[in-house]
Structure formats: C-alpha cells, structure tokens
Amino acid sequence: MIETVRFWSIVVLLGFGVLFTLVSTVGVIRLPDIYARAHTASQTDTLGAGFALAGVALAFGWQQAAVYTVLLLFFVFITNPTAAHAIARSAAESGVEPLLADDPDDEADVTVDAGGESR
C-alpha cells in the first residue's frame, strides 16, 4: 500500500515538473519581450525543476543520491531567479524598453536580422 502511494506521488510530482517546464517553454517562445520571457522562465521553470527534483528525491528514498538531489533543488531555487534577474537587469541597462499593452507604437512581431536591423 505504501509503495503504491509512493509510486503515484512520484508520478504526480514528475508530471507537474514536466507540465511546468512545458508551460515555461511555451511562455519563452510566445511572450513578446525579454522581461516577460525572463519572468516566465524564472517562475515556471523553477517550479518545474522543483517538482521534478522532488519526485527524483522521493524515488531515491533516504539514500545519498536523494541528499544530493535536495541540495541541487536548493541550488536551482537560488540560481534560477538570480539568473533571470541578471538577464532582465542587463537588458534594462542596455536600453531595452518593455513592450506595453497600451502603447500602439510597440509591435511584438518586429523581427531583427543578424545585423541588428529591425524589419
């Protein structure tokens, strides 16, 4: 009985991890500017990795690999939002303006070629 509950808990945690990571991937592809992309990458990707690593730790039980997995989980929770913040801050310092919904001059579908020219 306990093994069945443990198995399904692992499946649910890994499923949530895959779901959040998939949502993060779609968000990074679909969102219009660097700030929204950094936000979705830091939020949902961290949760996806957290759920997946929690499932892996639960699968290993109280072994040394589970301890390493929990340490990796703490590392991801610290570094993922920090990296997204650094990317957004670098974009802000470079002069990248966020796209605003009420500004008709901003267009989300502007493409930039390899030379930096917008088309």
C-alpha atoms as a PDB file:
ATOM      1  CA  MET A   1       0.000   0.000   0.000  1.00  0.00           C
ATOM      2  CA  ILE A   2       2.753   2.452   0.947  1.00  0.00           C
ATOM      3  CA  GLU A   3       4.732   1.581  -2.185  1.00  0.00           C
ATOM      4  CA  THR A   4       1.672   2.295  -4.337  1.00  0.00           C
ATOM      5  CA  VAL A   5       1.175   5.693  -2.699  1.00  0.00           C
ATOM      6  CA  ARG A   6       4.872   6.439  -3.083  1.00  0.00           C
ATOM      7  CA  PHE A   7       4.824   5.407  -6.748  1.00  0.00           C
ATOM      8  CA  TRP A   8       1.839   7.620  -7.571  1.00  0.00           C
ATOM      9  CA  SER A   9       3.325  10.514  -5.598  1.00  0.00           C
ATOM     10  CA  ILE A  10       6.467  10.240  -7.710  1.00  0.00           C
ATOM     11  CA  VAL A  11       4.390  10.111 -10.903  1.00  0.00           C
ATOM     12  CA  VAL A  12       2.369  13.189  -9.878  1.00  0.00           C
ATOM     13  CA  LEU A  13       5.478  15.176  -8.908  1.00  0.00           C
ATOM     14  CA  LEU A  14       7.254  14.297 -12.145  1.00  0.00           C
ATOM     15  CA  GLY A  15       4.083  15.068 -14.111  1.00  0.00           C
ATOM     16  CA  PHE A  16       3.824  18.509 -12.526  1.00  0.00           C
ATOM     17  CA  GLY A  17       7.510  19.049 -13.259  1.00  0.00           C
ATOM     18  CA  VAL A  18       7.018  18.227 -16.922  1.00  0.00           C
ATOM     19  CA  LEU A  19       3.866  20.373 -17.101  1.00  0.00           C
ATOM     20  CA  PHE A  20       5.502  23.457 -15.568  1.00  0.00           C
ATOM     21  CA  THR A  21       8.585  23.048 -17.748  1.00  0.00           C
ATOM     22  CA  LEU A  22       6.396  22.763 -20.850  1.00  0.00           C
ATOM     23  CA  VAL A  23       4.450  25.897 -19.861  1.00  0.00           C
ATOM     24  CA  SER A  24       7.756  27.691 -19.322  1.00  0.00           C
ATOM     25  CA  THR A  25       8.988  26.662 -22.753  1.00  0.00           C
ATOM     26  CA  VAL A  26       5.799  27.843 -24.445  1.00  0.00           C
ATOM     27  CA  GLY A  27       5.972  31.110 -22.499  1.00  0.00           C
ATOM     28  CA  VAL A  28       9.557  31.788 -23.514  1.00  0.00           C
ATOM     29  CA  ILE A  29       8.663  31.172 -27.157  1.00  0.00           C
ATOM     30  CA  ARG A  30       5.359  33.089 -27.208  1.00  0.00           C
ATOM     31  CA  LEU A  31       5.872  36.109 -24.956  1.00  0.00           C
ATOM     32  CA  PRO A  32       6.802  39.367 -26.687  1.00  0.00           C
ATOM     33  CA  ASP A  33       9.764  40.851 -24.824  1.00  0.00           C
ATOM     34  CA  ILE A  34      12.776  39.904 -22.733  1.00  0.00           C
ATOM     35  CA  TYR A  35      11.194  40.958 -19.447  1.00  0.00           C
ATOM     36  CA  ALA A  36       8.128  38.749 -19.824  1.00  0.00           C
ATOM     37  CA  ARG A  37      10.298  35.885 -21.031  1.00  0.00           C
ATOM     38  CA  ALA A  38      12.669  36.210 -18.086  1.00  0.00           C
ATOM     39  CA  HIS A  39       9.701  36.304 -15.726  1.00  0.00           C
ATOM     40  CA  THR A  40       8.118  33.127 -17.067  1.00  0.00           C
ATOM     41  CA  ALA A  41      11.460  31.356 -17.246  1.00  0.00           C
ATOM     42  CA  SER A  42      12.333  32.137 -13.660  1.00  0.00           C
ATOM     43  CA  GLN A  43       8.897  31.357 -12.212  1.00  0.00           C
ATOM     44  CA  THR A  44       7.624  28.282 -14.006  1.00  0.00           C
ATOM     45  CA  ASP A  45      10.964  26.696 -14.837  1.00  0.00           C
ATOM     46  CA  THR A  46      11.983  26.868 -11.187  1.00  0.00           C
ATOM     47  CA  LEU A  47       8.715  25.226 -10.159  1.00  0.00           C
ATOM     48  CA  GLY A  48       9.083  22.594 -12.877  1.00  0.00           C
ATOM     49  CA  ALA A  49      12.597  21.742 -11.775  1.00  0.00           C
ATOM     50  CA  GLY A  50      11.455  21.765  -8.157  1.00  0.00           C
ATOM     51  CA  PHE A  51       8.650  19.289  -8.745  1.00  0.00           C
ATOM     52  CA  ALA A  52      10.834  17.041 -10.899  1.00  0.00           C
ATOM     53  CA  LEU A  53      13.688  17.025  -8.394  1.00  0.00           C
ATOM     54  CA  ALA A  54      11.260  16.399  -5.534  1.00  0.00           C
ATOM     55  CA  GLY A  55       9.975  13.377  -7.452  1.00  0.00           C
ATOM     56  CA  VAL A  56      13.512  12.131  -8.003  1.00  0.00           C
ATOM     57  CA  ALA A  57      14.380  12.616  -4.323  1.00  0.00           C
ATOM     58  CA  LEU A  58      11.249  10.708  -3.322  1.00  0.00           C
ATOM     59  CA  ALA A  59      12.156   7.920  -5.746  1.00  0.00           C
ATOM     60  CA  PHE A  60      15.600   7.508  -4.196  1.00  0.00           C
ATOM     61  CA  GLY A  61      14.337   7.464  -0.622  1.00  0.00           C
ATOM     62  CA  TRP A  62      16.875   8.202   2.115  1.00  0.00           C
ATOM     63  CA  GLN A  63      19.972   7.467   0.088  1.00  0.00           C
ATOM     64  CA  GLN A  64      22.943   9.661  -0.654  1.00  0.00           C
ATOM     65  CA  ALA A  65      21.566  10.453  -4.123  1.00  0.00           C
ATOM     66  CA  ALA A  66      18.415  11.899  -2.544  1.00  0.00           C
ATOM     67  CA  VAL A  67      20.530  14.199  -0.389  1.00  0.00           C
ATOM     68  CA  TYR A  68      22.377  15.410  -3.485  1.00  0.00           C
ATOM     69  CA  THR A  69      19.051  15.918  -5.235  1.00  0.00           C
ATOM     70  CA  VAL A  70      17.744  18.076  -2.391  1.00  0.00           C
ATOM     71  CA  LEU A  71      20.967  20.117  -2.457  1.00  0.00           C
ATOM     72  CA  LEU A  72      20.532  20.539  -6.205  1.00  0.00           C
ATOM     73  CA  LEU A  73      16.953  21.658  -5.587  1.00  0.00           C
ATOM     74  CA  PHE A  74      18.138  24.420  -3.234  1.00  0.00           C
ATOM     75  CA  PHE A  75      20.790  25.420  -5.769  1.00  0.00           C
ATOM     76  CA  VAL A  76      18.161  25.709  -8.535  1.00  0.00           C
ATOM     77  CA  PHE A  77      15.828  27.722  -6.294  1.00  0.00           C
ATOM     78  CA  ILE A  78      18.617  30.226  -5.657  1.00  0.00           C
ATOM     79  CA  THR A  79      20.318  30.457  -9.047  1.00  0.00           C
ATOM     80  CA  ASN A  80      17.363  30.339 -11.455  1.00  0.00           C
ATOM     81  CA  PRO A  81      15.628  33.546 -10.279  1.00  0.00           C
ATOM     82  CA  THR A  82      19.021  35.207  -9.822  1.00  0.00           C
ATOM     83  CA  ALA A  83      19.984  34.456 -13.420  1.00  0.00           C
ATOM     84  CA  ALA A  84      16.641  35.755 -14.725  1.00  0.00           C
ATOM     85  CA  HIS A  85      17.097  38.935 -12.681  1.00  0.00           C
ATOM     86  CA  ALA A  86      20.605  39.398 -14.085  1.00  0.00           C
ATOM     87  CA  ILE A  87      19.314  38.971 -17.646  1.00  0.00           C
ATOM     88  CA  ALA A  88      16.484  41.466 -17.106  1.00  0.00           C
ATOM     89  CA  ARG A  89      18.800  43.953 -15.434  1.00  0.00           C
ATOM     90  CA  SER A  90      21.306  43.644 -18.264  1.00  0.00           C
ATOM     91  CA  ALA A  91      18.521  44.276 -20.778  1.00  0.00           C
ATOM     92  CA  ALA A  92      17.384  47.338 -18.824  1.00  0.00           C
ATOM     93  CA  GLU A  93      20.919  48.722 -18.633  1.00  0.00           C
ATOM     94  CA  SER A  94      21.297  48.143 -22.383  1.00  0.00           C
ATOM     95  CA  GLY A  95      18.260  50.331 -23.004  1.00  0.00           C
ATOM     96  CA  VAL A  96      15.751  47.648 -23.961  1.00  0.00           C
ATOM     97  CA  GLU A  97      12.288  49.071 -23.348  1.00  0.00           C
ATOM     98  CA  PRO A  98       9.465  46.763 -22.247  1.00  0.00           C
ATOM     99  CA  LEU A  99       6.536  46.342 -24.620  1.00  0.00           C
ATOM    100  CA  LEU A 100       3.449  47.940 -23.114  1.00  0.00           C
ATOM    101  CA  ALA A 101      -0.076  46.814 -23.988  1.00  0.00           C
ATOM    102  CA  ASP A 102      -1.494  50.340 -24.264  1.00  0.00           C
ATOM    103  CA  ASP A 103       1.314  51.707 -26.470  1.00  0.00           C
ATOM    104  CA  PRO A 104       0.302  51.464 -30.169  1.00  0.00           C
ATOM    105  CA  ASP A 105       3.883  52.108 -31.339  1.00  0.00           C
ATOM    106  CA  ASP A 106       5.149  48.876 -29.803  1.00  0.00           C
ATOM    107  CA  GLU A 107       4.826  45.862 -32.049  1.00  0.00           C
ATOM    108  CA  ALA A 108       5.541  42.421 -30.697  1.00  0.00           C
ATOM    109  CA  ASP A 109       6.097  40.866 -34.123  1.00  0.00           C
ATOM    110  CA  VAL A 110       9.067  43.017 -35.173  1.00  0.00           C
ATOM    111  CA  THR A 111      11.907  40.780 -36.295  1.00  0.00           C
ATOM    112  CA  VAL A 112      15.576  41.647 -36.033  1.00  0.00           C
ATOM    113  CA  ASP A 113      18.060  40.255 -38.529  1.00  0.00           C
ATOM    114  CA  ALA A 114      21.628  39.182 -37.754  1.00  0.00           C
ATOM    115  CA  GLY A 115      22.970  42.723 -38.264  1.00  0.00           C
ATOM    116  CA  GLY A 116      20.651  44.177 -35.631  1.00  0.00           C
ATOM    117  CA  GLU A 117      18.355  45.872 -38.156  1.00  0.00           C
ATOM    118  CA  SER A 118      14.620  45.570 -37.479  1.00  0.00           C
ATOM    119  CA  ARG A 119      12.300  44.646 -40.330  1.00  0.00           C
END
